[in-house]
Protein backbone atom coordinates (compact mmCIF):
# COMPACT_ATOMS: atom_id res chain seq x y z
CA MET A 1 0.02 0.02 0.01
CA PRO A 2 1.44 3.47 -0.89
CA ARG A 3 2.24 5.83 1.83
CA GLU A 4 0.44 9.20 1.93
CA ARG A 5 2.55 12.38 1.78
CA SER A 6 2.27 14.80 4.50
CA LEU A 7 2.08 18.35 3.35
CA ARG A 8 2.64 21.39 5.48
CA CYS A 9 2.93 25.16 4.82
CA VAL A 10 5.89 26.80 6.16
CA CYS A 11 5.09 30.54 6.29
CA LYS A 12 6.51 33.43 8.20
CA PRO A 13 3.87 35.09 10.47
CA LEU A 14 2.55 38.49 9.22
CA ARG A 15 4.27 41.20 11.31
CA VAL A 16 2.94 44.42 9.73
CA VAL A 17 -0.72 44.59 8.51
CA PRO A 18 -1.26 47.16 5.96
CA ARG A 19 -4.13 49.78 5.78
CA ALA A 20 -3.33 50.55 2.13
CA ALA A 21 -5.48 49.04 -0.61
CA MET A 22 -5.79 49.50 -4.45
CA ILE A 23 -8.81 49.58 -6.65
CA TYR A 24 -8.63 48.28 -10.22
CA ASP A 25 -10.53 50.45 -12.62
CA LEU A 26 -11.78 48.28 -15.66
CA VAL A 27 -12.50 51.33 -17.78
CA THR A 28 -8.96 52.99 -17.60
CA ASP A 29 -7.15 49.78 -17.07
CA ARG A 30 -5.14 50.94 -14.03
CA TYR A 31 -4.97 50.79 -10.37
CA LEU A 32 -6.06 53.68 -8.11
CA PRO A 33 -5.12 54.01 -4.39
CA ALA A 34 -8.08 53.35 -2.32
CA PRO A 35 -8.79 55.29 0.88
CA PRO A 36 -7.27 53.45 3.83
CA LEU A 37 -9.47 51.22 5.82
CA PRO A 38 -10.45 52.24 9.38
CA TYR A 39 -8.70 49.21 10.73
CA ARG A 40 -5.63 47.34 9.70
CA ALA A 41 -6.22 44.01 8.03
CA ALA A 42 -4.83 41.81 5.27
CA LEU A 43 -6.74 39.09 3.24
CA VAL A 44 -10.03 40.76 3.71
CA GLY A 45 -13.22 39.79 1.94
CA LEU A 46 -14.92 42.39 -0.25
CA ILE A 47 -18.59 42.28 -1.26
CA LEU A 48 -20.37 44.67 -3.58
CA ASP A 49 -24.16 44.71 -3.13
CA GLY A 50 -24.78 47.42 -5.77
CA GLU A 51 -24.65 50.41 -3.62
CA TYR A 52 -22.17 49.46 -0.87
CA VAL A 53 -18.75 47.77 -0.69
CA TYR A 54 -18.35 45.79 2.38
CA CYS A 55 -14.89 44.86 3.73
CA ILE A 56 -15.27 41.95 6.07
CA ALA A 57 -12.78 40.47 8.54
CA GLY A 58 -9.25 39.64 7.55
CA GLU A 59 -6.05 39.07 9.39
CA ASP A 60 -5.50 41.95 11.74
CA ARG A 61 -2.17 40.53 13.11
CA GLY A 62 -0.05 37.49 12.47
CA GLN A 63 -2.24 34.35 12.67
CA HIS A 64 -5.29 36.20 14.11
CA ARG A 65 -8.54 36.71 12.38
CA SER A 66 -10.61 39.92 12.90
CA ASP A 67 -14.30 40.10 12.99
CA ALA A 68 -14.49 43.74 11.92
CA VAL A 69 -16.77 44.84 9.20
CA TYR A 70 -16.68 48.08 7.28
CA ARG A 71 -18.86 49.45 4.54
CA ILE A 72 -18.69 52.46 2.28
CA LYS A 73 -20.84 53.70 -0.63
CA ARG A 74 -19.35 52.49 -3.95
CA THR A 75 -19.58 56.09 -5.42
CA GLU A 76 -17.79 57.58 -2.36
CA LEU A 77 -15.09 55.02 -2.59
CA MET A 78 -14.54 55.76 -6.30
CA VAL A 79 -14.46 59.52 -5.68
CA LYS A 80 -11.92 59.13 -2.91
CA ALA A 81 -9.72 56.81 -5.07
CA ALA A 82 -9.85 59.37 -7.88
CA ASP A 83 -8.98 62.20 -5.46
CA GLY A 84 -6.03 60.14 -4.47
CA GLN A 85 -4.64 60.40 -7.83
CA LYS A 86 -4.49 64.14 -7.79
């Protein structure tokens, strides 16, 4: 009988969690700086429901998950991103 391989991920813990994010504009084919989140988190989930963009959870420090939720109007987010280009 063949032996199963044991796999493990060797990763360094996340030490600094950024607040910065980028928005990809499909029309102009470029990235725009997004306004910073009100909390630091990496690997967040983003959901667009039509009017609002929700930023959900993420890793707020090394190997620790956040339960934070933030929402912003899609139009407000795009205006702030465009203003960041000036």
